[in-house]
């Protein structure tokens, strides 16, 4: 199923945040593989993930539960998680 424009934009923005917050110099949002395992392939640790989560929480006005951090293993999974949170927020 092709991604929506909103999904692509969300994935791009999450990649930007990860690159900015973790000071990655060899990756750009355009070349960031949204399915790359952030922990195993990029070496992101729990503190890095917490930092990224805080930035995304502030930017999107959603709450990211610390218990959910282990499931947020790739940019695509983070985007899907945020999309679900945003959709739930619009319903409430």
PDB file of N, CA and C in Angstrom:
ATOM      1  N   UNK A   1       0.846  -1.186   0.000  1.00  0.00           N
ATOM      2  CA  UNK A   1       0.000   0.000   0.000  1.00  0.00           C
ATOM      3  C   UNK A   1       0.888   1.245   0.000  1.00  0.00           C
ATOM      4  N   UNK A   2       0.680   2.142  -0.945  1.00  0.00           N
ATOM      5  CA  UNK A   2       1.510   3.345  -0.974  1.00  0.00           C
ATOM      6  C   UNK A   2       1.244   4.233   0.238  1.00  0.00           C
ATOM      7  N   UNK A   3       2.311   4.877   0.697  1.00  0.00           N
ATOM      8  CA  UNK A   3       2.169   5.769   1.839  1.00  0.00           C
ATOM      9  C   UNK A   3       1.476   7.057   1.420  1.00  0.00           C
ATOM     10  N   UNK A   4       0.712   7.608   2.341  1.00  0.00           N
ATOM     11  CA  UNK A   4       0.073   8.888   2.075  1.00  0.00           C
ATOM     12  C   UNK A   4       1.134   9.987   2.155  1.00  0.00           C
ATOM     13  N   UNK A   5       0.784  11.124   1.620  1.00  0.00           N
ATOM     14  CA  UNK A   5       1.689  12.280   1.684  1.00  0.00           C
ATOM     15  C   UNK A   5       1.984  12.626   3.148  1.00  0.00           C
ATOM     16  N   UNK A   6       0.949  12.543   3.993  1.00  0.00           N
ATOM     17  CA  UNK A   6       1.130  12.849   5.413  1.00  0.00           C
ATOM     18  C   UNK A   6       2.105  11.870   6.063  1.00  0.00           C
ATOM     19  N   UNK A   7       1.981  10.589   5.719  1.00  0.00           N
ATOM     20  CA  UNK A   7       2.882   9.576   6.288  1.00  0.00           C
ATOM     21  C   UNK A   7       4.314   9.838   5.853  1.00  0.00           C
ATOM     22  N   UNK A   8       4.507  10.162   4.577  1.00  0.00           N
ATOM     23  CA  UNK A   8       5.861  10.459   4.080  1.00  0.00           C
ATOM     24  C   UNK A   8       6.433  11.682   4.786  1.00  0.00           C
ATOM     25  N   UNK A   9       5.615  12.707   4.974  1.00  0.00           N
ATOM     26  CA  UNK A   9       6.081  13.924   5.647  1.00  0.00           C
ATOM     27  C   UNK A   9       6.432  13.649   7.103  1.00  0.00           C
ATOM     28  N   UNK A  10       5.632  12.814   7.761  1.00  0.00           N
ATOM     29  CA  UNK A  10       5.898  12.468   9.153  1.00  0.00           C
ATOM     30  C   UNK A  10       7.199  11.680   9.262  1.00  0.00           C
ATOM     31  N   UNK A  11       7.406  10.714   8.385  1.00  0.00           N
ATOM     32  CA  UNK A  11       8.644   9.930   8.368  1.00  0.00           C
ATOM     33  C   UNK A  11       9.841  10.851   8.135  1.00  0.00           C
ATOM     34  N   UNK A  12       9.713  11.778   7.192  1.00  0.00           N
ATOM     35  CA  UNK A  12      10.787  12.728   6.884  1.00  0.00           C
ATOM     36  C   UNK A  12      11.111  13.573   8.113  1.00  0.00           C
ATOM     37  N   UNK A  13      10.065  14.071   8.803  1.00  0.00           N
ATOM     38  CA  UNK A  13      10.276  14.942   9.970  1.00  0.00           C
ATOM     39  C   UNK A  13      10.917  14.170  11.118  1.00  0.00           C
ATOM     40  N   UNK A  14      10.481  12.931  11.337  1.00  0.00           N
ATOM     41  CA  UNK A  14      11.084  12.123  12.400  1.00  0.00           C
ATOM     42  C   UNK A  14      12.559  11.883  12.086  1.00  0.00           C
ATOM     43  N   UNK A  15      12.866  11.592  10.829  1.00  0.00           N
ATOM     44  CA  UNK A  15      14.268  11.413  10.427  1.00  0.00           C
ATOM     45  C   UNK A  15      15.060  12.688  10.701  1.00  0.00           C
ATOM     46  N   UNK A  16      14.478  13.848  10.386  1.00  0.00           N
ATOM     47  CA  UNK A  16      15.152  15.122  10.658  1.00  0.00           C
ATOM     48  C   UNK A  16      15.451  15.270  12.148  1.00  0.00           C
ATOM     49  N   UNK A  17      14.467  14.982  12.981  1.00  0.00           N
ATOM     50  CA  UNK A  17      14.650  15.114  14.429  1.00  0.00           C
ATOM     51  C   UNK A  17      15.758  14.189  14.913  1.00  0.00           C
ATOM     52  N   UNK A  18      15.749  12.943  14.459  1.00  0.00           N
ATOM     53  CA  UNK A  18      16.783  11.987  14.877  1.00  0.00           C
ATOM     54  C   UNK A  18      18.161  12.471  14.445  1.00  0.00           C
ATOM     55  N   UNK A  19      18.271  12.934  13.214  1.00  0.00           N
ATOM     56  CA  UNK A  19      19.555  13.423  12.700  1.00  0.00           C
ATOM     57  C   UNK A  19      20.032  14.629  13.501  1.00  0.00           C
ATOM     58  N   UNK A  20      19.119  15.575  13.765  1.00  0.00           N
ATOM     59  CA  UNK A  20      19.490  16.791  14.510  1.00  0.00           C
ATOM     60  C   UNK A  20      19.866  16.463  15.953  1.00  0.00           C
ATOM     61  N   UNK A  21      19.015  15.701  16.627  1.00  0.00           N
ATOM     62  CA  UNK A  21      19.228  15.428  18.044  1.00  0.00           C
ATOM     63  C   UNK A  21      20.441  14.540  18.296  1.00  0.00           C
ATOM     64  N   UNK A  22      20.708  13.607  17.396  1.00  0.00           N
ATOM     65  CA  UNK A  22      21.822  12.679  17.592  1.00  0.00           C
ATOM     66  C   UNK A  22      23.070  13.115  16.840  1.00  0.00           C
ATOM     67  N   UNK A  23      22.973  14.276  16.186  1.00  0.00           N
ATOM     68  CA  UNK A  23      24.105  14.870  15.474  1.00  0.00           C
ATOM     69  C   UNK A  23      24.742  13.889  14.488  1.00  0.00           C
ATOM     70  N   UNK A  24      23.885  13.283  13.680  1.00  0.00           N
ATOM     71  CA  UNK A  24      24.361  12.358  12.654  1.00  0.00           C
ATOM     72  C   UNK A  24      24.797  13.161  11.443  1.00  0.00           C
ATOM     73  N   UNK A  25      26.019  12.948  11.000  1.00  0.00           N
ATOM     74  CA  UNK A  25      26.547  13.766   9.914  1.00  0.00           C
ATOM     75  C   UNK A  25      26.530  13.072   8.566  1.00  0.00           C
ATOM     76  N   UNK A  26      26.477  11.737   8.584  1.00  0.00           N
ATOM     77  CA  UNK A  26      26.582  11.024   7.316  1.00  0.00           C
ATOM     78  C   UNK A  26      25.229  10.624   6.733  1.00  0.00           C
ATOM     79  N   UNK A  27      24.140  11.036   7.385  1.00  0.00           N
ATOM     80  CA  UNK A  27      22.800  10.678   6.915  1.00  0.00           C
ATOM     81  C   UNK A  27      21.982  11.955   6.729  1.00  0.00           C
ATOM     82  N   UNK A  28      21.166  11.975   5.682  1.00  0.00           N
ATOM     83  CA  UNK A  28      20.230  13.080   5.480  1.00  0.00           C
ATOM     84  C   UNK A  28      18.815  12.510   5.578  1.00  0.00           C
ATOM     85  N   UNK A  29      17.815  13.363   5.807  1.00  0.00           N
ATOM     86  CA  UNK A  29      16.440  12.837   5.848  1.00  0.00           C
ATOM     87  C   UNK A  29      16.061  12.106   4.564  1.00  0.00           C
ATOM     88  N   UNK A  30      16.607  12.553   3.442  1.00  0.00           N
ATOM     89  CA  UNK A  30      16.302  11.917   2.148  1.00  0.00           C
ATOM     90  C   UNK A  30      16.901  10.517   2.036  1.00  0.00           C
ATOM     91  N   UNK A  31      18.054  10.306   2.673  1.00  0.00           N
ATOM     92  CA  UNK A  31      18.717   9.008   2.561  1.00  0.00           C
ATOM     93  C   UNK A  31      18.469   8.102   3.765  1.00  0.00           C
ATOM     94  N   UNK A  32      17.738   8.607   4.744  1.00  0.00           N
ATOM     95  CA  UNK A  32      17.465   7.841   5.960  1.00  0.00           C
ATOM     96  C   UNK A  32      16.490   6.725   5.635  1.00  0.00           C
ATOM     97  N   UNK A  33      16.881   5.486   5.887  1.00  0.00           N
ATOM     98  CA  UNK A  33      16.011   4.336   5.635  1.00  0.00           C
ATOM     99  C   UNK A  33      14.987   4.252   6.770  1.00  0.00           C
ATOM    100  N   UNK A  34      13.695   4.460   6.476  1.00  0.00           N
ATOM    101  CA  UNK A  34      12.702   4.477   7.550  1.00  0.00           C
ATOM    102  C   UNK A  34      12.523   3.125   8.242  1.00  0.00           C
ATOM    103  N   UNK A  35      13.058   2.064   7.645  1.00  0.00           N
ATOM    104  CA  UNK A  35      12.942   0.741   8.257  1.00  0.00           C
ATOM    105  C   UNK A  35      14.223   0.303   8.975  1.00  0.00           C
ATOM    106  N   UNK A  36      15.229   1.174   8.974  1.00  0.00           N
ATOM    107  CA  UNK A  36      16.485   0.851   9.649  1.00  0.00           C
ATOM    108  C   UNK A  36      16.237   0.713  11.151  1.00  0.00           C
ATOM    109  N   UNK A  37      16.788  -0.339  11.749  1.00  0.00           N
ATOM    110  CA  UNK A  37      16.654  -0.539  13.185  1.00  0.00           C
ATOM    111  C   UNK A  37      17.542   0.488  13.891  1.00  0.00           C
ATOM    112  N   UNK A  38      16.908   1.382  14.629  1.00  0.00           N
ATOM    113  CA  UNK A  38      17.634   2.492  15.245  1.00  0.00           C
ATOM    114  C   UNK A  38      18.643   2.012  16.286  1.00  0.00           C
ATOM    115  N   UNK A  39      18.319   0.942  16.987  1.00  0.00           N
ATOM    116  CA  UNK A  39      19.207   0.436  18.030  1.00  0.00           C
ATOM    117  C   UNK A  39      20.323  -0.418  17.424  1.00  0.00           C
ATOM    118  N   UNK A  40      19.941  -1.427  16.648  1.00  0.00           N
ATOM    119  CA  UNK A  40      20.934  -2.370  16.131  1.00  0.00           C
ATOM    120  C   UNK A  40      21.794  -1.795  15.016  1.00  0.00           C
ATOM    121  N   UNK A  41      21.187  -0.990  14.128  1.00  0.00           N
ATOM    122  CA  UNK A  41      21.935  -0.497  12.968  1.00  0.00           C
ATOM    123  C   UNK A  41      22.526   0.893  13.170  1.00  0.00           C
ATOM    124  N   UNK A  42      21.887   1.694  14.022  1.00  0.00           N
ATOM    125  CA  UNK A  42      22.348   3.073  14.186  1.00  0.00           C
ATOM    126  C   UNK A  42      22.985   3.308  15.555  1.00  0.00           C
ATOM    127  N   UNK A  43      22.797   2.374  16.475  1.00  0.00           N
ATOM    128  CA  UNK A  43      23.405   2.501  17.792  1.00  0.00           C
ATOM    129  C   UNK A  43      22.702   3.475  18.717  1.00  0.00           C
ATOM    130  N   UNK A  44      21.416   3.716  18.495  1.00  0.00           N
ATOM    131  CA  UNK A  44      20.646   4.616  19.345  1.00  0.00           C
ATOM    132  C   UNK A  44      20.422   3.926  20.692  1.00  0.00           C
ATOM    133  N   UNK A  45      20.712   4.644  21.777  1.00  0.00           N
ATOM    134  CA  UNK A  45      20.469   4.054  23.097  1.00  0.00           C
ATOM    135  C   UNK A  45      19.196   4.637  23.703  1.00  0.00           C
ATOM    136  N   UNK A  46      18.845   4.179  24.890  1.00  0.00           N
ATOM    137  CA  UNK A  46      17.574   4.590  25.501  1.00  0.00           C
ATOM    138  C   UNK A  46      17.541   6.091  25.789  1.00  0.00           C
ATOM    139  N   UNK A  47      18.672   6.678  26.132  1.00  0.00           N
ATOM    140  CA  UNK A  47      18.703   8.130  26.384  1.00  0.00           C
ATOM    141  C   UNK A  47      18.475   8.905  25.093  1.00  0.00           C
ATOM    142  N   UNK A  48      19.084   8.438  24.000  1.00  0.00           N
ATOM    143  CA  UNK A  48      18.870   9.076  22.695  1.00  0.00           C
ATOM    144  C   UNK A  48      17.395   9.000  22.312  1.00  0.00           C
ATOM    145  N   UNK A  49      16.814   7.834  22.504  1.00  0.00           N
ATOM    146  CA  UNK A  49      15.415   7.638  22.147  1.00  0.00           C
ATOM    147  C   UNK A  49      14.511   8.518  23.003  1.00  0.00           C
ATOM    148  N   UNK A  50      14.846   8.654  24.274  1.00  0.00           N
ATOM    149  CA  UNK A  50      14.066   9.521  25.163  1.00  0.00           C
ATOM    150  C   UNK A  50      14.135  10.970  24.687  1.00  0.00           C
ATOM    151  N   UNK A  51      15.304  11.407  24.266  1.00  0.00           N
ATOM    152  CA  UNK A  51      15.470  12.769  23.756  1.00  0.00           C
ATOM    153  C   UNK A  51      14.618  12.990  22.512  1.00  0.00           C
ATOM    154  N   UNK A  52      14.682  12.051  21.582  1.00  0.00           N
ATOM    155  CA  UNK A  52      13.894  12.141  20.353  1.00  0.00           C
ATOM    156  C   UNK A  52      12.405  12.142  20.702  1.00  0.00           C
ATOM    157  N   UNK A  53      12.003  11.276  21.624  1.00  0.00           N
ATOM    158  CA  UNK A  53      10.589  11.193  22.019  1.00  0.00           C
ATOM    159  C   UNK A  53      10.108  12.519  22.607  1.00  0.00           C
ATOM    160  N   UNK A  54      10.932  13.158  23.427  1.00  0.00           N
ATOM    161  CA  UNK A  54      10.548  14.436  24.033  1.00  0.00           C
ATOM    162  C   UNK A  54      10.349  15.510  22.973  1.00  0.00           C
ATOM    163  N   UNK A  55      11.244  15.557  22.001  1.00  0.00           N
ATOM    164  CA  UNK A  55      11.119  16.538  20.919  1.00  0.00           C
ATOM    165  C   UNK A  55       9.822  16.298  20.139  1.00  0.00           C
ATOM    166  N   UNK A  56       9.559  15.034  19.818  1.00  0.00           N
ATOM    167  CA  UNK A  56       8.351  14.704  19.054  1.00  0.00           C
ATOM    168  C   UNK A  56       7.087  14.970  19.870  1.00  0.00           C
ATOM    169  N   UNK A  57       7.131  14.698  21.170  1.00  0.00           N
ATOM    170  CA  UNK A  57       5.981  14.996  22.034  1.00  0.00           C
ATOM    171  C   UNK A  57       5.662  16.484  21.999  1.00  0.00           C
ATOM    172  N   UNK A  58       6.699  17.303  22.134  1.00  0.00           N
ATOM    173  CA  UNK A  58       6.499  18.754  22.114  1.00  0.00           C
ATOM    174  C   UNK A  58       5.974  19.218  20.759  1.00  0.00           C
ATOM    175  N   UNK A  59       6.554  18.694  19.702  1.00  0.00           N
ATOM    176  CA  UNK A  59       6.201  19.141  18.363  1.00  0.00           C
ATOM    177  C   UNK A  59       4.782  18.738  17.965  1.00  0.00           C
ATOM    178  N   UNK A  60       4.387  17.526  18.339  1.00  0.00           N
ATOM    179  CA  UNK A  60       3.086  17.012  17.890  1.00  0.00           C
ATOM    180  C   UNK A  60       2.008  17.036  18.967  1.00  0.00           C
ATOM    181  N   UNK A  61       2.383  17.425  20.186  1.00  0.00           N
ATOM    182  CA  UNK A  61       1.397  17.532  21.250  1.00  0.00           C
ATOM    183  C   UNK A  61       0.785  16.202  21.653  1.00  0.00           C
ATOM    184  N   UNK A  62       1.589  15.153  21.604  1.00  0.00           N
ATOM    185  CA  UNK A  62       1.124  13.825  22.016  1.00  0.00           C
ATOM    186  C   UNK A  62       2.011  13.325  23.147  1.00  0.00           C
ATOM    187  N   UNK A  63       1.519  12.343  23.850  1.00  0.00           N
ATOM    188  CA  UNK A  63       2.277  11.722  24.923  1.00  0.00           C
ATOM    189  C   UNK A  63       2.828  10.389  24.415  1.00  0.00           C
ATOM    190  N   UNK A  64       4.128  10.205  24.578  1.00  0.00           N
ATOM    191  CA  UNK A  64       4.755   8.939  24.211  1.00  0.00           C
ATOM    192  C   UNK A  64       5.134   8.246  25.515  1.00  0.00           C
ATOM    193  N   UNK A  65       4.463   7.152  25.800  1.00  0.00           N
ATOM    194  CA  UNK A  65       4.671   6.409  27.042  1.00  0.00           C
ATOM    195  C   UNK A  65       6.045   5.744  27.034  1.00  0.00           C
ATOM    196  N   UNK A  66       6.779   5.903  28.124  1.00  0.00           N
ATOM    197  CA  UNK A  66       8.108   5.285  28.207  1.00  0.00           C
ATOM    198  C   UNK A  66       8.050   3.781  28.000  1.00  0.00           C
ATOM    199  N   UNK A  67       6.948   3.163  28.398  1.00  0.00           N
ATOM    200  CA  UNK A  67       6.802   1.714  28.217  1.00  0.00           C
ATOM    201  C   UNK A  67       6.754   1.341  26.739  1.00  0.00           C
ATOM    202  N   UNK A  68       6.432   2.312  25.876  1.00  0.00           N
ATOM    203  CA  UNK A  68       6.348   2.051  24.441  1.00  0.00           C
ATOM    204  C   UNK A  68       7.693   2.226  23.731  1.00  0.00           C
ATOM    205  N   UNK A  69       8.673   2.822  24.396  1.00  0.00           N
ATOM    206  CA  UNK A  69       9.971   3.070  23.754  1.00  0.00           C
ATOM    207  C   UNK A  69      10.574   1.825  23.093  1.00  0.00           C
ATOM    208  N   UNK A  70      10.537   0.656  23.762  1.00  0.00           N
ATOM    209  CA  UNK A  70      11.152  -0.522  23.124  1.00  0.00           C
ATOM    210  C   UNK A  70      10.502  -0.910  21.800  1.00  0.00           C
ATOM    211  N   UNK A  71       9.261  -0.508  21.567  1.00  0.00           N
ATOM    212  CA  UNK A  71       8.596  -0.858  20.308  1.00  0.00           C
ATOM    213  C   UNK A  71       8.926   0.129  19.197  1.00  0.00           C
ATOM    214  N   UNK A  72       9.524   1.258  19.545  1.00  0.00           N
ATOM    215  CA  UNK A  72       9.811   2.307  18.566  1.00  0.00           C
ATOM    216  C   UNK A  72      11.204   2.091  17.987  1.00  0.00           C
ATOM    217  N   UNK A  73      11.323   1.044  17.179  1.00  0.00           N
ATOM    218  CA  UNK A  73      12.642   0.599  16.715  1.00  0.00           C
ATOM    219  C   UNK A  73      13.070   1.192  15.386  1.00  0.00           C
ATOM    220  N   UNK A  74      12.146   1.820  14.662  1.00  0.00           N
ATOM    221  CA  UNK A  74      12.512   2.407  13.369  1.00  0.00           C
ATOM    222  C   UNK A  74      11.703   3.682  13.170  1.00  0.00           C
ATOM    223  N   UNK A  75      12.128   4.475  12.221  1.00  0.00           N
ATOM    224  CA  UNK A  75      11.414   5.714  11.916  1.00  0.00           C
ATOM    225  C   UNK A  75       9.976   5.391  11.495  1.00  0.00           C
ATOM    226  N   UNK A  76       9.814   4.340  10.701  1.00  0.00           N
ATOM    227  CA  UNK A  76       8.465   3.975  10.254  1.00  0.00           C
ATOM    228  C   UNK A  76       7.574   3.592  11.445  1.00  0.00           C
ATOM    229  N   UNK A  77       8.113   2.821  12.400  1.00  0.00           N
ATOM    230  CA  UNK A  77       7.328   2.439  13.574  1.00  0.00           C
ATOM    231  C   UNK A  77       6.985   3.654  14.428  1.00  0.00           C
ATOM    232  N   UNK A  78       7.918   4.585  14.551  1.00  0.00           N
ATOM    233  CA  UNK A  78       7.641   5.816  15.297  1.00  0.00           C
ATOM    234  C   UNK A  78       6.541   6.607  14.583  1.00  0.00           C
ATOM    235  N   UNK A  79       6.621   6.692  13.262  1.00  0.00           N
ATOM    236  CA  UNK A  79       5.614   7.418  12.481  1.00  0.00           C
ATOM    237  C   UNK A  79       4.232   6.780  12.649  1.00  0.00           C
ATOM    238  N   UNK A  80       4.184   5.447  12.604  1.00  0.00           N
ATOM    239  CA  UNK A  80       2.904   4.758  12.781  1.00  0.00           C
ATOM    240  C   UNK A  80       2.351   5.003  14.180  1.00  0.00           C
ATOM    241  N   UNK A  81       3.226   4.989  15.169  1.00  0.00           N
ATOM    242  CA  UNK A  81       2.836   5.235  16.555  1.00  0.00           C
ATOM    243  C   UNK A  81       2.271   6.650  16.698  1.00  0.00           C
ATOM    244  N   UNK A  82       3.002   7.633  16.156  1.00  0.00           N
ATOM    245  CA  UNK A  82       2.536   9.025  16.235  1.00  0.00           C
ATOM    246  C   UNK A  82       1.230   9.219  15.482  1.00  0.00           C
ATOM    247  N   UNK A  83       1.105   8.601  14.326  1.00  0.00           N
ATOM    248  CA  UNK A  83      -0.130   8.715  13.538  1.00  0.00           C
ATOM    249  C   UNK A  83      -1.313   8.207  14.334  1.00  0.00           C
ATOM    250  N   UNK A  84      -1.133   7.068  15.011  1.00  0.00           N
ATOM    251  CA  UNK A  84      -2.219   6.502  15.822  1.00  0.00           C
ATOM    252  C   UNK A  84      -2.564   7.438  16.978  1.00  0.00           C
ATOM    253  N   UNK A  85      -1.537   8.002  17.618  1.00  0.00           N
ATOM    254  CA  UNK A  85      -1.762   8.924  18.738  1.00  0.00           C
ATOM    255  C   UNK A  85      -2.489  10.177  18.245  1.00  0.00           C
ATOM    256  N   UNK A  86      -2.056  10.709  17.093  1.00  0.00           N
ATOM    257  CA  UNK A  86      -2.684  11.915  16.544  1.00  0.00           C
ATOM    258  C   UNK A  86      -4.127  11.646  16.154  1.00  0.00           C
ATOM    259  N   UNK A  87      -4.384  10.493  15.560  1.00  0.00           N
ATOM    260  CA  UNK A  87      -5.753  10.126  15.152  1.00  0.00           C
ATOM    261  C   UNK A  87      -6.628   9.968  16.396  1.00  0.00           C
ATOM    262  N   UNK A  88      -6.096   9.349  17.441  1.00  0.00           N
ATOM    263  CA  UNK A  88      -6.862   9.158  18.682  1.00  0.00           C
ATOM    264  C   UNK A  88      -7.151  10.511  19.325  1.00  0.00           C
ATOM    265  N   UNK A  89      -6.193  11.426  19.231  1.00  0.00           N
ATOM    266  CA  UNK A  89      -6.375  12.752  19.815  1.00  0.00           C
ATOM    267  C   UNK A  89      -7.468  13.548  19.112  1.00  0.00           C
ATOM    268  N   UNK A  90      -7.578  13.352  17.798  1.00  0.00           N
ATOM    269  CA  UNK A  90      -8.610  14.083  17.030  1.00  0.00           C
ATOM    270  C   UNK A  90     -10.007  13.570  17.356  1.00  0.00           C
ATOM    271  N   UNK A  91     -10.092  12.284  17.712  1.00  0.00           N
ATOM    272  CA  UNK A  91     -11.393  11.701  18.034  1.00  0.00           C
ATOM    273  C   UNK A  91     -11.880  12.201  19.403  1.00  0.00           C
ATOM    274  N   UNK A  92     -10.909  12.416  20.316  1.00  0.00           N
ATOM    275  CA  UNK A  92     -11.266  12.769  21.689  1.00  0.00           C
ATOM    276  C   UNK A  92     -11.600  14.154  21.799  1.00  0.00           C
TER     277      UNK A  92
END
